[in-house]
Amino acid sequence: MEIKKSPKVDLQNKKGLFLEIGLIISLLIVIAAFLYAPKEYRIEQVEMNYGPVEEEITEITRNEQKPPEPPKKIEIKVYNDILDIVTNDTKVTTDFSFEEFEAGLEITTKVMEVEEEEIEEDAPLLKAEKMPSFQGGDLNKFRNWVQGKLKYPKIAQENGISGRVTLSFVIEKDGSLTGIQVMQSPDKSLSEEAIRVVSSSPKWSPGTQRNQPVRVRYQLPVNFQLRN
């Protein structure tokens, strides 16, 4: 038994109609989209209620500089009774008399004696061509001789005083030893003992300069050491 469809119910016959209707609807939607315009937004200006602020303006005052004072006038008074102004052709007279300067007057002169400063020509030398010698040796030999003759002062031993005494002396032209001076000393008792020994020195062989005997000055350190 065959089933028969009614031509009214068959949708295939209306396919073209549905297609036309769909195109029309799509076209209407596109046109409506172009015609649609959004609402306009307006920006309203807000009135500011702030009024202008008045500020006080302080005037800047400047100290007006005073104009410099005019220089003071200095008046110089000339006393005519003291200074007499004369011309070149005026003869000047004085009360001075030349009667005391007579022709036969003797003029005497007096020579003042000037004391000449004494110059020490024979000053001791610090260095000579040939230095003095002590018993055929130099200053070191004399120092050893002095160290061997020293006697430690008792007062310096009791107080534990030690140190170096430096003496200065002159070897004369005849070889004698003079002019002993203390240059440095830790104690008076030590310097007195050093002077005692040095002053007892036998004569030296004097120094010479250009084959002539000369005075020569020496400095000698003398050591005092305590031994336990």
C-alpha atoms as a PDB file:
ATOM      1  CA  MET A   1       0.000   0.000   0.000  1.00  0.00           C
ATOM      2  CA  GLU A   2       1.595   3.255  -1.077  1.00  0.00           C
ATOM      3  CA  ILE A   3       1.512   6.323   1.123  1.00  0.00           C
ATOM      4  CA  LYS A   4       0.538   9.407  -0.778  1.00  0.00           C
ATOM      5  CA  LYS A   5       1.561  12.875   0.316  1.00  0.00           C
ATOM      6  CA  SER A   6      -0.642  15.828  -0.034  1.00  0.00           C
ATOM      7  CA  PRO A   7       0.822  18.487  -2.267  1.00  0.00           C
ATOM      8  CA  LYS A   8      -0.127  21.090   0.353  1.00  0.00           C
ATOM      9  CA  VAL A   9       1.876  19.389   3.024  1.00  0.00           C
ATOM     10  CA  ASP A  10       5.019  18.946   0.921  1.00  0.00           C
ATOM     11  CA  LEU A  11       7.524  21.612   1.995  1.00  0.00           C
ATOM     12  CA  GLN A  12       9.833  21.117  -0.962  1.00  0.00           C
ATOM     13  CA  ASN A  13       7.452  23.101  -3.073  1.00  0.00           C
ATOM     14  CA  LYS A  14       7.805  26.093  -0.698  1.00  0.00           C
ATOM     15  CA  LYS A  15      11.588  26.031  -0.433  1.00  0.00           C
ATOM     16  CA  GLY A  16      12.105  28.978  -2.742  1.00  0.00           C
ATOM     17  CA  LEU A  17       9.601  31.057  -0.874  1.00  0.00           C
ATOM     18  CA  PHE A  18      11.313  30.524   2.412  1.00  0.00           C
ATOM     19  CA  LEU A  19      14.642  31.522   0.843  1.00  0.00           C
ATOM     20  CA  GLU A  20      13.245  34.809  -0.449  1.00  0.00           C
ATOM     21  CA  ILE A  21      11.696  35.596   2.917  1.00  0.00           C
ATOM     22  CA  GLY A  22      15.036  34.954   4.677  1.00  0.00           C
ATOM     23  CA  LEU A  23      16.944  37.265   2.298  1.00  0.00           C
ATOM     24  CA  ILE A  24      14.411  40.013   2.815  1.00  0.00           C
ATOM     25  CA  ILE A  25      14.705  39.718   6.610  1.00  0.00           C
ATOM     26  CA  SER A  26      18.540  39.815   6.444  1.00  0.00           C
ATOM     27  CA  LEU A  27      18.438  42.910   4.237  1.00  0.00           C
ATOM     28  CA  LEU A  28      16.097  44.652   6.642  1.00  0.00           C
ATOM     29  CA  ILE A  29      18.423  43.877   9.588  1.00  0.00           C
ATOM     30  CA  VAL A  30      21.455  45.365   7.756  1.00  0.00           C
ATOM     31  CA  ILE A  31      19.509  48.511   6.810  1.00  0.00           C
ATOM     32  CA  ALA A  32      18.317  48.869  10.400  1.00  0.00           C
ATOM     33  CA  ALA A  33      21.891  48.537  11.660  1.00  0.00           C
ATOM     34  CA  PHE A  34      23.100  51.411   9.451  1.00  0.00           C
ATOM     35  CA  LEU A  35      20.217  53.612  10.425  1.00  0.00           C
ATOM     36  CA  TYR A  36      20.802  53.080  14.120  1.00  0.00           C
ATOM     37  CA  ALA A  37      22.583  56.056  15.721  1.00  0.00           C
ATOM     38  CA  PRO A  38      23.717  56.110  19.399  1.00  0.00           C
ATOM     39  CA  LYS A  39      22.636  58.842  21.689  1.00  0.00           C
ATOM     40  CA  GLU A  40      24.772  61.927  21.797  1.00  0.00           C
ATOM     41  CA  TYR A  41      26.670  62.501  25.003  1.00  0.00           C
ATOM     42  CA  ARG A  42      27.118  66.090  25.997  1.00  0.00           C
ATOM     43  CA  ILE A  43      29.768  67.278  28.465  1.00  0.00           C
ATOM     44  CA  GLU A  44      28.430  70.034  30.521  1.00  0.00           C
ATOM     45  CA  GLN A  45      30.846  72.567  31.935  1.00  0.00           C
ATOM     46  CA  VAL A  46      30.807  72.738  35.677  1.00  0.00           C
ATOM     47  CA  GLU A  47      30.783  76.249  36.905  1.00  0.00           C
ATOM     48  CA  MET A  48      33.521  76.870  39.421  1.00  0.00           C
ATOM     49  CA  ASN A  49      32.354  78.920  42.322  1.00  0.00           C
ATOM     50  CA  TYR A  50      35.872  79.952  43.269  1.00  0.00           C
ATOM     51  CA  GLY A  51      36.373  83.669  43.038  1.00  0.00           C
ATOM     52  CA  PRO A  52      39.706  85.380  42.503  1.00  0.00           C
ATOM     53  CA  VAL A  53      41.841  85.615  45.652  1.00  0.00           C
ATOM     54  CA  GLU A  54      43.123  89.059  46.370  1.00  0.00           C
ATOM     55  CA  GLU A  55      46.695  89.091  47.691  1.00  0.00           C
ATOM     56  CA  GLU A  56      48.308  92.008  49.296  1.00  0.00           C
ATOM     57  CA  ILE A  57      51.451  93.114  47.488  1.00  0.00           C
ATOM     58  CA  THR A  58      54.098  94.488  49.774  1.00  0.00           C
ATOM     59  CA  GLU A  59      56.176  97.177  48.244  1.00  0.00           C
ATOM     60  CA  ILE A  60      59.903  96.625  48.498  1.00  0.00           C
ATOM     61  CA  THR A  61      61.529  99.674  49.949  1.00  0.00           C
ATOM     62  CA  ARG A  62      65.174 100.397  49.335  1.00  0.00           C
ATOM     63  CA  ASN A  63      67.361 102.401  51.603  1.00  0.00           C
ATOM     64  CA  GLU A  64      68.261 105.416  49.661  1.00  0.00           C
ATOM     65  CA  GLN A  65      71.981 105.993  49.755  1.00  0.00           C
ATOM     66  CA  LYS A  66      72.986 109.411  50.838  1.00  0.00           C
ATOM     67  CA  PRO A  67      75.114 111.275  48.365  1.00  0.00           C
ATOM     68  CA  PRO A  68      78.776 111.495  49.428  1.00  0.00           C
ATOM     69  CA  GLU A  69      79.609 114.496  51.461  1.00  0.00           C
ATOM     70  CA  PRO A  70      81.737 117.046  49.699  1.00  0.00           C
ATOM     71  CA  PRO A  71      85.369 117.099  50.904  1.00  0.00           C
ATOM     72  CA  LYS A  72      86.027 119.457  53.698  1.00  0.00           C
ATOM     73  CA  LYS A  73      88.053 122.481  52.877  1.00  0.00           C
ATOM     74  CA  ILE A  74      91.288 122.776  54.782  1.00  0.00           C
ATOM     75  CA  GLU A  75      92.482 126.279  55.261  1.00  0.00           C
ATOM     76  CA  ILE A  76      96.211 126.817  55.548  1.00  0.00           C
ATOM     77  CA  LYS A  77      97.144 130.040  57.179  1.00  0.00           C
ATOM     78  CA  VAL A  78     100.489 131.568  56.362  1.00  0.00           C
ATOM     79  CA  TYR A  79     101.880 133.873  58.976  1.00  0.00           C
ATOM     80  CA  ASN A  80     103.817 136.606  57.282  1.00  0.00           C
ATOM     81  CA  ASP A  81     105.468 137.579  60.523  1.00  0.00           C
ATOM     82  CA  ILE A  82     107.359 134.245  60.555  1.00  0.00           C
ATOM     83  CA  LEU A  83     108.033 133.672  56.855  1.00  0.00           C
ATOM     84  CA  ASP A  84     109.095 136.693  54.842  1.00  0.00           C
ATOM     85  CA  ILE A  85     108.821 136.149  51.127  1.00  0.00           C
ATOM     86  CA  VAL A  86     111.437 138.165  49.214  1.00  0.00           C
ATOM     87  CA  THR A  87     112.326 138.451  45.567  1.00  0.00           C
ATOM     88  CA  ASN A  88     115.609 137.355  44.002  1.00  0.00           C
ATOM     89  CA  ASP A  89     117.003 140.900  43.823  1.00  0.00           C
ATOM     90  CA  THR A  90     116.495 141.572  47.555  1.00  0.00           C
ATOM     91  CA  LYS A  91     119.614 141.647  49.707  1.00  0.00           C
ATOM     92  CA  VAL A  92     119.407 139.467  52.779  1.00  0.00           C
ATOM     93  CA  THR A  93     121.239 140.765  55.835  1.00  0.00           C
ATOM     94  CA  THR A  94     122.130 138.758  58.932  1.00  0.00           C
ATOM     95  CA  ASP A  95     123.362 139.592  62.374  1.00  0.00           C
ATOM     96  CA  PHE A  96     126.182 137.010  62.167  1.00  0.00           C
ATOM     97  CA  SER A  97     129.679 138.463  62.493  1.00  0.00           C
ATOM     98  CA  PHE A  98     132.869 137.019  60.978  1.00  0.00           C
ATOM     99  CA  GLU A  99     135.171 139.091  63.204  1.00  0.00           C
ATOM    100  CA  GLU A 100     136.188 136.025  65.238  1.00  0.00           C
ATOM    101  CA  PHE A 101     137.670 134.422  62.091  1.00  0.00           C
ATOM    102  CA  GLU A 102     140.707 136.645  61.802  1.00  0.00           C
ATOM    103  CA  ALA A 103     143.602 136.058  59.434  1.00  0.00           C
ATOM    104  CA  GLY A 104     146.084 134.915  62.083  1.00  0.00           C
ATOM    105  CA  LEU A 105     143.697 132.652  63.968  1.00  0.00           C
ATOM    106  CA  GLU A 106     145.132 129.208  64.646  1.00  0.00           C
ATOM    107  CA  ILE A 107     142.827 126.255  64.066  1.00  0.00           C
ATOM    108  CA  THR A 108     143.618 123.209  66.115  1.00  0.00           C
ATOM    109  CA  THR A 109     142.402 119.708  65.433  1.00  0.00           C
ATOM    110  CA  LYS A 110     142.164 116.811  67.860  1.00  0.00           C
ATOM    111  CA  VAL A 111     142.533 113.255  66.741  1.00  0.00           C
ATOM    112  CA  MET A 112     140.134 110.907  68.530  1.00  0.00           C
ATOM    113  CA  GLU A 113     141.649 107.625  69.474  1.00  0.00           C
ATOM    114  CA  VAL A 114     139.523 104.674  68.361  1.00  0.00           C
ATOM    115  CA  GLU A 115     140.016 101.480  70.231  1.00  0.00           C
ATOM    116  CA  GLU A 116     140.516  98.705  67.769  1.00  0.00           C
ATOM    117  CA  GLU A 117     138.656  95.522  68.405  1.00  0.00           C
ATOM    118  CA  GLU A 118     140.997  92.752  69.303  1.00  0.00           C
ATOM    119  CA  ILE A 119     140.855  89.983  66.745  1.00  0.00           C
ATOM    120  CA  GLU A 120     141.874  86.615  68.011  1.00  0.00           C
ATOM    121  CA  GLU A 121     144.225  85.479  65.295  1.00  0.00           C
ATOM    122  CA  ASP A 122     145.253  82.395  67.222  1.00  0.00           C
ATOM    123  CA  ALA A 123     141.785  80.838  67.480  1.00  0.00           C
ATOM    124  CA  PRO A 124     141.832  77.046  67.906  1.00  0.00           C
ATOM    125  CA  LEU A 125     141.124  74.989  64.802  1.00  0.00           C
ATOM    126  CA  LEU A 126     138.727  72.086  64.519  1.00  0.00           C
ATOM    127  CA  LYS A 127     140.723  70.485  61.708  1.00  0.00           C
ATOM    128  CA  ALA A 128     144.441  70.786  60.989  1.00  0.00           C
ATOM    129  CA  GLU A 129     146.710  69.343  58.329  1.00  0.00           C
ATOM    130  CA  LYS A 130     148.314  67.236  61.037  1.00  0.00           C
ATOM    131  CA  MET A 131     146.130  66.600  64.054  1.00  0.00           C
ATOM    132  CA  PRO A 132     147.619  66.328  67.562  1.00  0.00           C
ATOM    133  CA  SER A 133     148.517  62.859  68.817  1.00  0.00           C
ATOM    134  CA  PHE A 134     148.442  61.377  72.298  1.00  0.00           C
ATOM    135  CA  GLN A 135     151.312  58.979  73.045  1.00  0.00           C
ATOM    136  CA  GLY A 136     151.551  58.152  69.364  1.00  0.00           C
ATOM    137  CA  GLY A 137     147.806  57.599  68.983  1.00  0.00           C
ATOM    138  CA  ASP A 138     144.693  59.581  68.178  1.00  0.00           C
ATOM    139  CA  LEU A 139     141.726  60.767  70.252  1.00  0.00           C
ATOM    140  CA  ASN A 140     140.454  57.214  70.756  1.00  0.00           C
ATOM    141  CA  LYS A 141     143.674  56.291  72.584  1.00  0.00           C
ATOM    142  CA  PHE A 142     143.291  59.291  74.853  1.00  0.00           C
ATOM    143  CA  ARG A 143     139.684  58.317  75.538  1.00  0.00           C
ATOM    144  CA  ASN A 144     140.741  54.817  76.604  1.00  0.00           C
ATOM    145  CA  TRP A 145     143.366  56.386  78.850  1.00  0.00           C
ATOM    146  CA  VAL A 146     140.695  58.595  80.473  1.00  0.00           C
ATOM    147  CA  GLN A 147     138.238  55.685  80.946  1.00  0.00           C
ATOM    148  CA  GLY A 148     140.989  53.726  82.730  1.00  0.00           C
ATOM    149  CA  LYS A 149     141.694  56.580  85.167  1.00  0.00           C
ATOM    150  CA  LEU A 150     138.066  57.305  86.136  1.00  0.00           C
ATOM    151  CA  LYS A 151     136.803  56.643  89.675  1.00  0.00           C
ATOM    152  CA  TYR A 152     133.042  56.392  89.916  1.00  0.00           C
ATOM    153  CA  PRO A 153     131.776  59.052  92.342  1.00  0.00           C
ATOM    154  CA  LYS A 154     130.300  57.486  95.483  1.00  0.00           C
ATOM    155  CA  ILE A 155     127.306  59.838  95.543  1.00  0.00           C
ATOM    156  CA  ALA A 156     126.462  58.919  91.948  1.00  0.00           C
ATOM    157  CA  GLN A 157     126.681  55.210  92.815  1.00  0.00           C
ATOM    158  CA  GLU A 158     124.344  55.605  95.794  1.00  0.00           C
ATOM    159  CA  ASN A 159     121.769  57.444  93.688  1.00  0.00           C
ATOM    160  CA  GLY A 160     122.145  55.129  90.680  1.00  0.00           C
ATOM    161  CA  ILE A 161     123.273  57.966  88.361  1.00  0.00           C
ATOM    162  CA  SER A 162     124.969  57.025  85.099  1.00  0.00           C
ATOM    163  CA  GLY A 163     125.348  58.503  81.644  1.00  0.00           C
ATOM    164  CA  ARG A 164     127.699  60.322  79.295  1.00  0.00           C
ATOM    165  CA  VAL A 165     129.705  63.459  80.002  1.00  0.00           C
ATOM    166  CA  THR A 166     130.896  65.404  76.944  1.00  0.00           C
ATOM    167  CA  LEU A 167     133.928  67.657  77.427  1.00  0.00           C
ATOM    168  CA  SER A 168     135.588  70.206  75.154  1.00  0.00           C
ATOM    169  CA  PHE A 169     139.271  71.133  75.452  1.00  0.00           C
ATOM    170  CA  VAL A 170     142.158  72.673  73.461  1.00  0.00           C
ATOM    171  CA  ILE A 171     145.542  71.161  72.680  1.00  0.00           C
ATOM    172  CA  GLU A 172     147.966  74.095  72.761  1.00  0.00           C
ATOM    173  CA  LYS A 173     150.987  74.646  70.545  1.00  0.00           C
ATOM    174  CA  ASP A 174     153.232  73.198  73.267  1.00  0.00           C
ATOM    175  CA  GLY A 175     151.048  70.081  73.634  1.00  0.00           C
ATOM    176  CA  SER A 176     149.426  71.065  76.913  1.00  0.00           C
ATOM    177  CA  LEU A 177     145.707  70.630  77.460  1.00  0.00           C
ATOM    178  CA  THR A 178     143.675  73.755  78.402  1.00  0.00           C
ATOM    179  CA  GLY A 179     140.191  75.282  78.196  1.00  0.00           C
ATOM    180  CA  ILE A 180     138.205  72.327  79.538  1.00  0.00           C
ATOM    181  CA  GLN A 181     134.444  72.920  79.252  1.00  0.00           C
ATOM    182  CA  VAL A 182     131.462  70.695  80.051  1.00  0.00           C
ATOM    183  CA  MET A 183     129.171  70.455  77.018  1.00  0.00           C
ATOM    184  CA  GLN A 184     126.777  67.832  78.409  1.00  0.00           C
ATOM    185  CA  SER A 185     126.477  65.957  81.721  1.00  0.00           C
ATOM    186  CA  PRO A 186     123.770  64.011  83.583  1.00  0.00           C
ATOM    187  CA  ASP A 187     125.174  65.002  87.002  1.00  0.00           C
ATOM    188  CA  LYS A 188     127.659  67.444  88.498  1.00  0.00           C
ATOM    189  CA  SER A 189     129.626  64.721  90.304  1.00  0.00           C
ATOM    190  CA  LEU A 190     130.228  62.874  87.039  1.00  0.00           C
ATOM    191  CA  SER A 191     131.400  66.000  85.198  1.00  0.00           C
ATOM    192  CA  GLU A 192     133.789  66.916  88.037  1.00  0.00           C
ATOM    193  CA  GLU A 193     135.393  63.473  87.912  1.00  0.00           C
ATOM    194  CA  ALA A 194     135.778  63.661  84.114  1.00  0.00           C
ATOM    195  CA  ILE A 195     137.416  67.109  84.383  1.00  0.00           C
ATOM    196  CA  ARG A 196     139.796  65.837  87.063  1.00  0.00           C
ATOM    197  CA  VAL A 197     141.073  62.999  84.881  1.00  0.00           C
ATOM    198  CA  VAL A 198     141.300  65.018  81.622  1.00  0.00           C
ATOM    199  CA  SER A 199     143.165  67.885  83.304  1.00  0.00           C
ATOM    200  CA  SER A 200     145.807  65.406  84.529  1.00  0.00           C
ATOM    201  CA  SER A 201     146.643  64.401  80.947  1.00  0.00           C
ATOM    202  CA  PRO A 202     150.316  64.359  79.948  1.00  0.00           C
ATOM    203  CA  LYS A 203     151.377  66.550  77.051  1.00  0.00           C
ATOM    204  CA  TRP A 204     150.359  65.756  73.504  1.00  0.00           C
ATOM    205  CA  SER A 205     152.257  66.125  70.269  1.00  0.00           C
ATOM    206  CA  PRO A 206     150.777  69.408  68.931  1.00  0.00           C
ATOM    207  CA  GLY A 207     149.012  69.712  65.610  1.00  0.00           C
ATOM    208  CA  THR A 208     150.573  71.568  62.697  1.00  0.00           C
ATOM    209  CA  GLN A 209     149.293  73.695  59.828  1.00  0.00           C
ATOM    210  CA  ARG A 210     151.796  74.523  57.030  1.00  0.00           C
ATOM    211  CA  ASN A 211     154.536  73.083  59.220  1.00  0.00           C
ATOM    212  CA  GLN A 212     153.626  75.495  62.014  1.00  0.00           C
ATOM    213  CA  PRO A 213     152.209  74.379  65.398  1.00  0.00           C
ATOM    214  CA  VAL A 214     148.577  75.382  65.884  1.00  0.00           C
ATOM    215  CA  ARG A 215     145.932  75.137  68.568  1.00  0.00           C
ATOM    216  CA  VAL A 216     143.307  72.429  67.988  1.00  0.00           C
ATOM    217  CA  ARG A 217     139.980  71.961  69.791  1.00  0.00           C
ATOM    218  CA  TYR A 218     138.612  68.504  70.616  1.00  0.00           C
ATOM    219  CA  GLN A 219     135.363  67.120  72.029  1.00  0.00           C
ATOM    220  CA  LEU A 220     135.562  63.977  74.147  1.00  0.00           C
ATOM    221  CA  PRO A 221     132.632  61.795  75.350  1.00  0.00           C
ATOM    222  CA  VAL A 222     133.232  60.039  78.689  1.00  0.00           C
ATOM    223  CA  ASN A 223     130.897  57.191  79.703  1.00  0.00           C
ATOM    224  CA  PHE A 224     129.906  56.346  83.280  1.00  0.00           C
ATOM    225  CA  GLN A 225     128.183  52.977  83.667  1.00  0.00           C
ATOM    226  CA  LEU A 226     127.135  51.159  86.835  1.00  0.00           C
ATOM    227  CA  ARG A 227     127.981  47.483  86.984  1.00  0.00           C
ATOM    228  CA  ASN A 228     126.215  44.976  89.216  1.00  0.00           C
END
